[in-house]
Amino acid sequence: MAGAQAPLPAELLTARPVIVVVGPTGIGKTSVAFELAQRLNGEVVVADSRQVYQMLDIATNKPSPEQRQRVRYHMIDFVDPKLTFNAAQYVDGARAAIDDIMTSLRRQLELLDAGAMRQRLLALDPDPGVDLQNPVRMIRAIELLESVGPPLRNLRRRKTPPWSVVRVGLLARLDVIDRRLAERSRSQVERGLIAETQAALDAGVPVNAAVLTGIGYAEALAHLRGEVTLEDLPDVMAASNRRYARRQMRWWRRDPRITWFEIEPDPVPAILKYVENN
């Protein structure tokens, strides 16, 4: 039953937070997003301009098949690479994906009877301070607990936060970023970047297609034209990535809304604590 304390403010029980993970290319955003989604029972909306395209997986750095089996991903692998997918289309798709995620847990909970719902809530927080006879309040409490963890009563002592977005950034020393980019470039070539690029061309993807203008495929095309040797290709790719990563960092560091976390050794525990406390 509900305790004697005042009920939780309704604003705290209306939505799960959207965690936005940003950082330079190669820093490890895909891995961190995967770990967060697993720990929070969440889903991932990919915000990469090239991962929307089908066929081309290696230089777009898509999540692995194993990751995609364990976590649900949105905005990935659904656009013909012969076409162009613009920012406005992405915004519409991402909004629809987030709406779908926000309602998926609610749909699951609405299928439970009151007893099962009460049991699930009390397993998350034995003293939630919510009317245990009110299914709507219980559903909202479970949504919040699944996102930020217990105890729910502590939220009364906090100023109501903007639950809509939590922005976290990943960073590292430049030498760490450069090392990661060099390793990734070598791995992409070894995994068959040239063959994947040639297969796209053979399938009718034009050389000026949006997906082929990005780092990795642009250098692979230069190799196919005889302008870059296979031996030099990873270094040329890494150099392009280094320049891009530095531009990205200059851009992101201007945003005061982002809280930054070192990528090494493992930022996930600190990010989870930050999300819970904020």
C-alpha atoms as a PDB file:
ATOM      1  CA  MET A   1       0.000   0.000   0.000  1.00  0.00           C
ATOM      2  CA  ALA A   2       1.047   3.609  -0.437  1.00  0.00           C
ATOM      3  CA  GLY A   3       2.894   5.215   2.453  1.00  0.00           C
ATOM      4  CA  ALA A   4       1.897   8.320   4.314  1.00  0.00           C
ATOM      5  CA  GLN A   5       4.239  10.563   2.355  1.00  0.00           C
ATOM      6  CA  ALA A   6       2.960  12.709  -0.490  1.00  0.00           C
ATOM      7  CA  PRO A   7       2.798  10.989  -3.897  1.00  0.00           C
ATOM      8  CA  LEU A   8       5.589  11.470  -6.376  1.00  0.00           C
ATOM      9  CA  PRO A   9       5.220  14.435  -8.730  1.00  0.00           C
ATOM     10  CA  ALA A  10       3.576  13.325 -11.963  1.00  0.00           C
ATOM     11  CA  GLU A  11       6.374  14.868 -14.046  1.00  0.00           C
ATOM     12  CA  LEU A  12       8.790  12.302 -12.633  1.00  0.00           C
ATOM     13  CA  LEU A  13       6.675   9.392 -13.755  1.00  0.00           C
ATOM     14  CA  THR A  14       5.848  10.288 -17.341  1.00  0.00           C
ATOM     15  CA  ALA A  15       8.869   9.258 -19.422  1.00  0.00           C
ATOM     16  CA  ARG A  16      12.099   7.290 -19.508  1.00  0.00           C
ATOM     17  CA  PRO A  17      15.230   9.323 -20.234  1.00  0.00           C
ATOM     18  CA  VAL A  18      16.860   9.407 -23.645  1.00  0.00           C
ATOM     19  CA  ILE A  19      20.606   8.975 -23.129  1.00  0.00           C
ATOM     20  CA  VAL A  20      22.580  10.641 -25.912  1.00  0.00           C
ATOM     21  CA  VAL A  21      26.152   9.339 -26.308  1.00  0.00           C
ATOM     22  CA  VAL A  22      28.511  11.600 -28.256  1.00  0.00           C
ATOM     23  CA  GLY A  23      32.212  11.751 -28.975  1.00  0.00           C
ATOM     24  CA  PRO A  24      34.774  11.642 -31.775  1.00  0.00           C
ATOM     25  CA  THR A  25      34.894   8.907 -34.360  1.00  0.00           C
ATOM     26  CA  GLY A  26      36.575   5.744 -33.139  1.00  0.00           C
ATOM     27  CA  ILE A  27      36.217   6.572 -29.442  1.00  0.00           C
ATOM     28  CA  GLY A  28      33.933   3.605 -28.706  1.00  0.00           C
ATOM     29  CA  LYS A  29      30.389   5.003 -28.818  1.00  0.00           C
ATOM     30  CA  THR A  30      28.944   1.810 -30.317  1.00  0.00           C
ATOM     31  CA  SER A  31      30.303  -0.379 -27.516  1.00  0.00           C
ATOM     32  CA  VAL A  32      29.236   2.006 -24.766  1.00  0.00           C
ATOM     33  CA  ALA A  33      25.726   2.393 -26.198  1.00  0.00           C
ATOM     34  CA  PHE A  34      25.419  -1.390 -26.391  1.00  0.00           C
ATOM     35  CA  GLU A  35      26.503  -1.835 -22.762  1.00  0.00           C
ATOM     36  CA  LEU A  36      24.154   0.900 -21.556  1.00  0.00           C
ATOM     37  CA  ALA A  37      21.236  -0.602 -23.451  1.00  0.00           C
ATOM     38  CA  GLN A  38      21.924  -3.996 -21.908  1.00  0.00           C
ATOM     39  CA  ARG A  39      22.260  -2.637 -18.384  1.00  0.00           C
ATOM     40  CA  LEU A  40      19.169  -0.422 -18.641  1.00  0.00           C
ATOM     41  CA  ASN A  41      17.009  -2.814 -20.648  1.00  0.00           C
ATOM     42  CA  GLY A  42      16.946  -0.192 -23.391  1.00  0.00           C
ATOM     43  CA  GLU A  43      17.242   0.083 -27.145  1.00  0.00           C
ATOM     44  CA  VAL A  44      19.594   2.038 -29.419  1.00  0.00           C
ATOM     45  CA  VAL A  45      18.664   4.690 -31.953  1.00  0.00           C
ATOM     46  CA  VAL A  46      21.709   4.997 -34.192  1.00  0.00           C
ATOM     47  CA  ALA A  47      22.667   8.586 -35.037  1.00  0.00           C
ATOM     48  CA  ASP A  48      25.138   7.951 -37.841  1.00  0.00           C
ATOM     49  CA  SER A  49      24.579   9.385 -41.294  1.00  0.00           C
ATOM     50  CA  ARG A  50      25.988   6.286 -43.026  1.00  0.00           C
ATOM     51  CA  GLN A  51      24.741   3.394 -40.908  1.00  0.00           C
ATOM     52  CA  VAL A  52      21.269   3.910 -42.348  1.00  0.00           C
ATOM     53  CA  TYR A  53      22.521   2.459 -45.640  1.00  0.00           C
ATOM     54  CA  GLN A  54      22.308  -1.226 -46.519  1.00  0.00           C
ATOM     55  CA  MET A  55      25.162  -3.391 -47.877  1.00  0.00           C
ATOM     56  CA  LEU A  56      28.041  -1.283 -46.577  1.00  0.00           C
ATOM     57  CA  ASP A  57      28.952  -2.367 -43.057  1.00  0.00           C
ATOM     58  CA  ILE A  58      32.711  -2.238 -42.555  1.00  0.00           C
ATOM     59  CA  ALA A  59      33.683   1.430 -42.832  1.00  0.00           C
ATOM     60  CA  THR A  60      30.317   2.539 -41.460  1.00  0.00           C
ATOM     61  CA  ASN A  61      31.283   0.737 -38.231  1.00  0.00           C
ATOM     62  CA  LYS A  62      27.885  -0.827 -37.697  1.00  0.00           C
ATOM     63  CA  PRO A  63      27.293  -2.829 -34.512  1.00  0.00           C
ATOM     64  CA  SER A  64      28.224  -6.470 -34.831  1.00  0.00           C
ATOM     65  CA  PRO A  65      25.638  -9.180 -35.611  1.00  0.00           C
ATOM     66  CA  GLU A  66      26.070 -10.437 -32.036  1.00  0.00           C
ATOM     67  CA  GLN A  67      25.274  -7.000 -30.616  1.00  0.00           C
ATOM     68  CA  ARG A  68      22.233  -6.677 -32.859  1.00  0.00           C
ATOM     69  CA  GLN A  69      20.923 -10.031 -31.676  1.00  0.00           C
ATOM     70  CA  ARG A  70      21.110  -8.960 -28.031  1.00  0.00           C
ATOM     71  CA  VAL A  71      19.899  -5.336 -28.308  1.00  0.00           C
ATOM     72  CA  ARG A  72      17.254  -3.834 -30.567  1.00  0.00           C
ATOM     73  CA  TYR A  73      18.666  -1.171 -32.921  1.00  0.00           C
ATOM     74  CA  HIS A  74      16.768   1.502 -34.848  1.00  0.00           C
ATOM     75  CA  MET A  75      17.743   3.685 -37.828  1.00  0.00           C
ATOM     76  CA  ILE A  76      20.181   1.177 -39.262  1.00  0.00           C
ATOM     77  CA  ASP A  77      20.355  -0.847 -42.485  1.00  0.00           C
ATOM     78  CA  PHE A  78      17.148   0.301 -44.156  1.00  0.00           C
ATOM     79  CA  VAL A  79      18.108   2.724 -46.970  1.00  0.00           C
ATOM     80  CA  ASP A  80      19.207   1.651 -50.453  1.00  0.00           C
ATOM     81  CA  PRO A  81      22.798   2.919 -50.858  1.00  0.00           C
ATOM     82  CA  LYS A  82      21.937   4.185 -54.326  1.00  0.00           C
ATOM     83  CA  LEU A  83      19.696   6.771 -52.651  1.00  0.00           C
ATOM     84  CA  THR A  84      20.320   9.784 -50.434  1.00  0.00           C
ATOM     85  CA  PHE A  85      18.925  10.033 -46.912  1.00  0.00           C
ATOM     86  CA  ASN A  86      18.906  13.583 -45.565  1.00  0.00           C
ATOM     87  CA  ALA A  87      18.872  15.081 -42.077  1.00  0.00           C
ATOM     88  CA  ALA A  88      15.163  15.903 -42.146  1.00  0.00           C
ATOM     89  CA  GLN A  89      14.326  12.294 -42.976  1.00  0.00           C
ATOM     90  CA  TYR A  90      16.570  11.155 -40.158  1.00  0.00           C
ATOM     91  CA  VAL A  91      14.844  13.424 -37.629  1.00  0.00           C
ATOM     92  CA  ASP A  92      11.437  12.045 -38.601  1.00  0.00           C
ATOM     93  CA  GLY A  93      12.667   8.460 -38.361  1.00  0.00           C
ATOM     94  CA  ALA A  94      14.493   8.968 -35.065  1.00  0.00           C
ATOM     95  CA  ARG A  95      11.449  10.604 -33.475  1.00  0.00           C
ATOM     96  CA  ALA A  96       9.287   7.685 -34.543  1.00  0.00           C
ATOM     97  CA  ALA A  97      11.851   5.219 -33.174  1.00  0.00           C
ATOM     98  CA  ILE A  98      12.035   6.974 -29.807  1.00  0.00           C
ATOM     99  CA  ASP A  99       8.246   7.066 -29.575  1.00  0.00           C
ATOM    100  CA  ASP A 100       8.186   3.333 -30.261  1.00  0.00           C
ATOM    101  CA  ILE A 101      10.780   2.628 -27.557  1.00  0.00           C
ATOM    102  CA  MET A 102       9.020   4.803 -25.015  1.00  0.00           C
ATOM    103  CA  THR A 103       5.764   2.898 -25.462  1.00  0.00           C
ATOM    104  CA  SER A 104       7.190  -0.653 -25.685  1.00  0.00           C
ATOM    105  CA  LEU A 105       7.645  -1.130 -21.928  1.00  0.00           C
ATOM    106  CA  ARG A 106       4.233   0.390 -21.281  1.00  0.00           C
ATOM    107  CA  ARG A 107       2.634  -2.086 -23.691  1.00  0.00           C
ATOM    108  CA  GLN A 108       4.323  -4.980 -21.883  1.00  0.00           C
ATOM    109  CA  LEU A 109       3.218  -3.742 -18.476  1.00  0.00           C
ATOM    110  CA  GLU A 110      -0.362  -3.162 -19.568  1.00  0.00           C
ATOM    111  CA  LEU A 111      -0.638  -6.885 -20.296  1.00  0.00           C
ATOM    112  CA  LEU A 112       0.075  -7.725 -16.638  1.00  0.00           C
ATOM    113  CA  ASP A 113      -2.667  -8.097 -14.067  1.00  0.00           C
ATOM    114  CA  ALA A 114      -2.528  -5.873 -11.001  1.00  0.00           C
ATOM    115  CA  GLY A 115      -0.917  -8.552  -8.834  1.00  0.00           C
ATOM    116  CA  ALA A 116       1.897  -9.286 -11.285  1.00  0.00           C
ATOM    117  CA  MET A 117       2.462  -5.571 -11.825  1.00  0.00           C
ATOM    118  CA  ARG A 118       2.628  -4.981  -8.070  1.00  0.00           C
ATOM    119  CA  GLN A 119       5.122  -7.844  -7.704  1.00  0.00           C
ATOM    120  CA  ARG A 120       7.360  -6.437 -10.425  1.00  0.00           C
ATOM    121  CA  LEU A 121       7.290  -2.955  -8.883  1.00  0.00           C
ATOM    122  CA  LEU A 122       8.129  -4.213  -5.389  1.00  0.00           C
ATOM    123  CA  ALA A 123      10.961  -6.339  -6.764  1.00  0.00           C
ATOM    124  CA  LEU A 124      12.485  -3.159  -8.159  1.00  0.00           C
ATOM    125  CA  ASP A 125      11.832  -1.081  -5.041  1.00  0.00           C
ATOM    126  CA  PRO A 126      10.298  -2.589  -1.872  1.00  0.00           C
ATOM    127  CA  ASP A 127       9.145   0.844  -0.673  1.00  0.00           C
ATOM    128  CA  PRO A 128       8.240   2.884  -3.771  1.00  0.00           C
ATOM    129  CA  GLY A 129       5.706   5.219  -2.138  1.00  0.00           C
ATOM    130  CA  VAL A 130       3.220   4.637  -4.966  1.00  0.00           C
ATOM    131  CA  ASP A 131      -0.448   3.663  -4.717  1.00  0.00           C
ATOM    132  CA  LEU A 132      -0.269  -0.086  -5.242  1.00  0.00           C
ATOM    133  CA  GLN A 133      -3.953  -0.194  -6.181  1.00  0.00           C
ATOM    134  CA  ASN A 134      -3.471   2.204  -9.086  1.00  0.00           C
ATOM    135  CA  PRO A 135      -2.175   0.442 -12.250  1.00  0.00           C
ATOM    136  CA  VAL A 136      -1.398   3.737 -14.025  1.00  0.00           C
ATOM    137  CA  ARG A 137       0.818   4.931 -11.166  1.00  0.00           C
ATOM    138  CA  MET A 138       2.490   1.546 -10.896  1.00  0.00           C
ATOM    139  CA  ILE A 139       3.277   1.466 -14.623  1.00  0.00           C
ATOM    140  CA  ARG A 140       4.827   4.925 -14.475  1.00  0.00           C
ATOM    141  CA  ALA A 141       6.846   4.000 -11.384  1.00  0.00           C
ATOM    142  CA  ILE A 142       8.184   0.842 -13.065  1.00  0.00           C
ATOM    143  CA  GLU A 143       9.167   2.836 -16.162  1.00  0.00           C
ATOM    144  CA  LEU A 144      11.144   5.251 -14.009  1.00  0.00           C
ATOM    145  CA  LEU A 145      12.773   2.548 -11.897  1.00  0.00           C
ATOM    146  CA  GLU A 146      13.806   0.619 -15.018  1.00  0.00           C
ATOM    147  CA  SER A 147      15.539   3.763 -16.217  1.00  0.00           C
ATOM    148  CA  VAL A 148      17.200   5.322 -13.169  1.00  0.00           C
ATOM    149  CA  GLY A 149      16.988   2.704 -10.451  1.00  0.00           C
ATOM    150  CA  PRO A 150      15.723   2.825  -6.862  1.00  0.00           C
ATOM    151  CA  PRO A 151      14.920   4.244  -4.415  1.00  0.00           C
ATOM    152  CA  LEU A 152      11.974   6.033  -5.937  1.00  0.00           C
ATOM    153  CA  ARG A 153      11.236   8.028  -2.779  1.00  0.00           C
ATOM    154  CA  ASN A 154      14.553   9.886  -3.104  1.00  0.00           C
ATOM    155  CA  LEU A 155      13.176  11.678  -6.145  1.00  0.00           C
ATOM    156  CA  ARG A 156      10.933  13.709  -3.825  1.00  0.00           C
ATOM    157  CA  ARG A 157      14.008  15.390  -2.423  1.00  0.00           C
ATOM    158  CA  ARG A 158      15.334  16.358  -5.825  1.00  0.00           C
ATOM    159  CA  LYS A 159      14.429  19.228  -8.031  1.00  0.00           C
ATOM    160  CA  THR A 160      12.426  17.837 -10.931  1.00  0.00           C
ATOM    161  CA  PRO A 161      14.989  17.089 -13.666  1.00  0.00           C
ATOM    162  CA  PRO A 162      14.417  17.318 -17.425  1.00  0.00           C
ATOM    163  CA  TRP A 163      14.024  13.578 -18.031  1.00  0.00           C
ATOM    164  CA  SER A 164      13.806  13.938 -21.774  1.00  0.00           C
ATOM    165  CA  VAL A 165      17.562  13.933 -22.552  1.00  0.00           C
ATOM    166  CA  VAL A 166      20.750  13.050 -20.680  1.00  0.00           C
ATOM    167  CA  ARG A 167      23.855  13.963 -22.695  1.00  0.00           C
ATOM    168  CA  VAL A 168      27.105  12.088 -22.082  1.00  0.00           C
ATOM    169  CA  GLY A 169      30.347  12.427 -24.006  1.00  0.00           C
ATOM    170  CA  LEU A 170      33.303  10.082 -24.402  1.00  0.00           C
ATOM    171  CA  LEU A 171      36.826  11.434 -24.541  1.00  0.00           C
ATOM    172  CA  ALA A 172      40.447  10.373 -24.330  1.00  0.00           C
ATOM    173  CA  ARG A 173      43.918  11.772 -24.860  1.00  0.00           C
ATOM    174  CA  LEU A 174      44.754  12.403 -28.495  1.00  0.00           C
ATOM    175  CA  ASP A 175      47.328   9.617 -28.530  1.00  0.00           C
ATOM    176  CA  VAL A 176      44.677   7.153 -27.316  1.00  0.00           C
ATOM    177  CA  ILE A 177      42.225   8.310 -29.988  1.00  0.00           C
ATOM    178  CA  ASP A 178      44.924   8.097 -32.661  1.00  0.00           C
ATOM    179  CA  ARG A 179      45.866   4.569 -31.567  1.00  0.00           C
ATOM    180  CA  ARG A 180      42.256   3.432 -31.710  1.00  0.00           C
ATOM    181  CA  LEU A 181      41.790   4.955 -35.158  1.00  0.00           C
ATOM    182  CA  ALA A 182      44.940   3.278 -36.492  1.00  0.00           C
ATOM    183  CA  GLU A 183      43.816  -0.093 -35.127  1.00  0.00           C
ATOM    184  CA  ARG A 184      40.324   0.325 -36.549  1.00  0.00           C
ATOM    185  CA  SER A 185      41.624   1.318 -39.996  1.00  0.00           C
ATOM    186  CA  ARG A 186      43.872  -1.743 -40.178  1.00  0.00           C
ATOM    187  CA  SER A 187      41.028  -3.977 -39.042  1.00  0.00           C
ATOM    188  CA  GLN A 188      38.642  -2.571 -41.642  1.00  0.00           C
ATOM    189  CA  VAL A 189      41.065  -3.303 -44.473  1.00  0.00           C
ATOM    190  CA  GLU A 190      41.739  -6.801 -43.122  1.00  0.00           C
ATOM    191  CA  ARG A 191      37.986  -7.509 -42.830  1.00  0.00           C
ATOM    192  CA  GLY A 192      37.472  -6.884 -46.543  1.00  0.00           C
ATOM    193  CA  LEU A 193      36.849  -3.185 -47.065  1.00  0.00           C
ATOM    194  CA  ILE A 194      38.073  -3.293 -50.666  1.00  0.00           C
ATOM    195  CA  ALA A 195      35.878  -6.265 -51.563  1.00  0.00           C
ATOM    196  CA  GLU A 196      32.845  -4.659 -49.918  1.00  0.00           C
ATOM    197  CA  THR A 197      33.401  -1.414 -51.820  1.00  0.00           C
ATOM    198  CA  GLN A 198      33.813  -3.243 -55.134  1.00  0.00           C
ATOM    199  CA  ALA A 199      30.669  -5.304 -54.440  1.00  0.00           C
ATOM    200  CA  ALA A 200      28.692  -2.090 -53.929  1.00  0.00           C
ATOM    201  CA  LEU A 201      29.957  -0.704 -57.233  1.00  0.00           C
ATOM    202  CA  ASP A 202      29.120  -3.975 -58.974  1.00  0.00           C
ATOM    203  CA  ALA A 203      25.588  -3.756 -57.524  1.00  0.00           C
ATOM    204  CA  GLY A 204      25.099  -0.366 -59.172  1.00  0.00           C
ATOM    205  CA  VAL A 205      25.930   1.993 -56.313  1.00  0.00           C
ATOM    206  CA  PRO A 206      27.412   5.073 -58.019  1.00  0.00           C
ATOM    207  CA  VAL A 207      30.857   6.239 -56.997  1.00  0.00           C
ATOM    208  CA  ASN A 208      29.405   9.572 -55.892  1.00  0.00           C
ATOM    209  CA  ALA A 209      26.736   7.973 -53.661  1.00  0.00           C
ATOM    210  CA  ALA A 210      26.530   9.610 -50.242  1.00  0.00           C
ATOM    211  CA  VAL A 211      27.635   6.506 -48.384  1.00  0.00           C
ATOM    212  CA  LEU A 212      30.783   6.149 -50.534  1.00  0.00           C
ATOM    213  CA  THR A 213      31.960   9.702 -49.874  1.00  0.00           C
ATOM    214  CA  GLY A 214      32.664   8.984 -46.200  1.00  0.00           C
ATOM    215  CA  ILE A 215      36.015   8.105 -44.662  1.00  0.00           C
ATOM    216  CA  GLY A 216      37.030   4.553 -45.469  1.00  0.00           C
ATOM    217  CA  TYR A 217      35.080   4.151 -48.682  1.00  0.00           C
ATOM    218  CA  ALA A 218      36.541   7.317 -50.223  1.00  0.00           C
ATOM    219  CA  GLU A 219      40.056   5.947 -49.611  1.00  0.00           C
ATOM    220  CA  ALA A 220      39.010   2.491 -50.812  1.00  0.00           C
ATOM    221  CA  LEU A 221      37.804   4.045 -54.076  1.00  0.00           C
ATOM    222  CA  ALA A 222      41.146   5.844 -54.370  1.00  0.00           C
ATOM    223  CA  HIS A 223      42.862   2.463 -54.033  1.00  0.00           C
ATOM    224  CA  LEU A 224      40.625   0.951 -56.715  1.00  0.00           C
ATOM    225  CA  ARG A 225      41.591   3.845 -59.005  1.00  0.00           C
ATOM    226  CA  GLY A 226      45.255   3.043 -58.385  1.00  0.00           C
ATOM    227  CA  GLU A 227      45.937   6.207 -56.366  1.00  0.00           C
ATOM    228  CA  VAL A 228      46.685   4.520 -53.000  1.00  0.00           C
ATOM    229  CA  THR A 229      48.518   1.241 -52.447  1.00  0.00           C
ATOM    230  CA  LEU A 230      46.995  -1.456 -50.293  1.00  0.00           C
ATOM    231  CA  GLU A 231      49.933  -1.146 -47.909  1.00  0.00           C
ATOM    232  CA  ASP A 232      49.355   2.592 -47.449  1.00  0.00           C
ATOM    233  CA  LEU A 233      45.571   2.409 -47.306  1.00  0.00           C
ATOM    234  CA  PRO A 234      45.190   1.972 -43.496  1.00  0.00           C
ATOM    235  CA  ASP A 235      47.493   4.921 -42.822  1.00  0.00           C
ATOM    236  CA  VAL A 236      45.638   7.153 -45.282  1.00  0.00           C
ATOM    237  CA  MET A 237      42.327   6.208 -43.674  1.00  0.00           C
ATOM    238  CA  ALA A 238      43.678   6.809 -40.180  1.00  0.00           C
ATOM    239  CA  ALA A 239      44.959  10.257 -41.170  1.00  0.00           C
ATOM    240  CA  SER A 240      41.531  11.245 -42.507  1.00  0.00           C
ATOM    241  CA  ASN A 241      39.913   9.938 -39.337  1.00  0.00           C
ATOM    242  CA  ARG A 242      42.328  11.882 -37.117  1.00  0.00           C
ATOM    243  CA  ARG A 243      41.432  15.146 -38.826  1.00  0.00           C
ATOM    244  CA  TYR A 244      37.730  14.366 -38.541  1.00  0.00           C
ATOM    245  CA  ALA A 245      37.997  13.391 -34.864  1.00  0.00           C
ATOM    246  CA  ARG A 246      39.672  16.682 -34.007  1.00  0.00           C
ATOM    247  CA  ARG A 247      36.948  18.663 -35.769  1.00  0.00           C
ATOM    248  CA  GLN A 248      34.315  16.704 -33.911  1.00  0.00           C
ATOM    249  CA  MET A 249      35.951  17.312 -30.538  1.00  0.00           C
ATOM    250  CA  ARG A 250      36.169  21.057 -31.149  1.00  0.00           C
ATOM    251  CA  TRP A 251      32.464  21.027 -31.965  1.00  0.00           C
ATOM    252  CA  TRP A 252      31.296  18.882 -29.053  1.00  0.00           C
ATOM    253  CA  ARG A 253      33.413  20.590 -26.405  1.00  0.00           C
ATOM    254  CA  ARG A 254      31.506  23.826 -27.026  1.00  0.00           C
ATOM    255  CA  ASP A 255      28.282  22.239 -25.721  1.00  0.00           C
ATOM    256  CA  PRO A 256      27.979  22.841 -21.952  1.00  0.00           C
ATOM    257  CA  ARG A 257      25.097  20.366 -21.657  1.00  0.00           C
ATOM    258  CA  ILE A 258      27.432  17.382 -22.168  1.00  0.00           C
ATOM    259  CA  THR A 259      29.051  15.594 -19.217  1.00  0.00           C
ATOM    260  CA  TRP A 260      32.301  13.928 -20.259  1.00  0.00           C
ATOM    261  CA  PHE A 261      33.695  10.512 -19.326  1.00  0.00           C
ATOM    262  CA  GLU A 262      37.096   8.987 -20.089  1.00  0.00           C
ATOM    263  CA  ILE A 263      36.765   6.002 -22.399  1.00  0.00           C
ATOM    264  CA  GLU A 264      39.477   4.039 -20.588  1.00  0.00           C
ATOM    265  CA  PRO A 265      39.374   1.852 -18.662  1.00  0.00           C
ATOM    266  CA  ASP A 266      35.545   1.634 -18.717  1.00  0.00           C
ATOM    267  CA  PRO A 267      33.139   4.593 -18.589  1.00  0.00           C
ATOM    268  CA  VAL A 268      29.908   2.594 -18.269  1.00  0.00           C
ATOM    269  CA  PRO A 269      29.730   2.360 -14.431  1.00  0.00           C
ATOM    270  CA  ALA A 270      30.316   6.104 -14.060  1.00  0.00           C
ATOM    271  CA  ILE A 271      27.743   6.905 -16.758  1.00  0.00           C
ATOM    272  CA  LEU A 272      25.155   4.690 -15.074  1.00  0.00           C
ATOM    273  CA  LYS A 273      25.769   6.427 -11.753  1.00  0.00           C
ATOM    274  CA  TYR A 274      25.484   9.825 -13.414  1.00  0.00           C
ATOM    275  CA  VAL A 275      22.189   8.887 -15.085  1.00  0.00           C
ATOM    276  CA  GLU A 276      20.797   7.597 -11.779  1.00  0.00           C
ATOM    277  CA  ASN A 277      21.807  10.746  -9.892  1.00  0.00           C
ATOM    278  CA  ASN A 278      20.571  13.157 -12.523  1.00  0.00           C
END
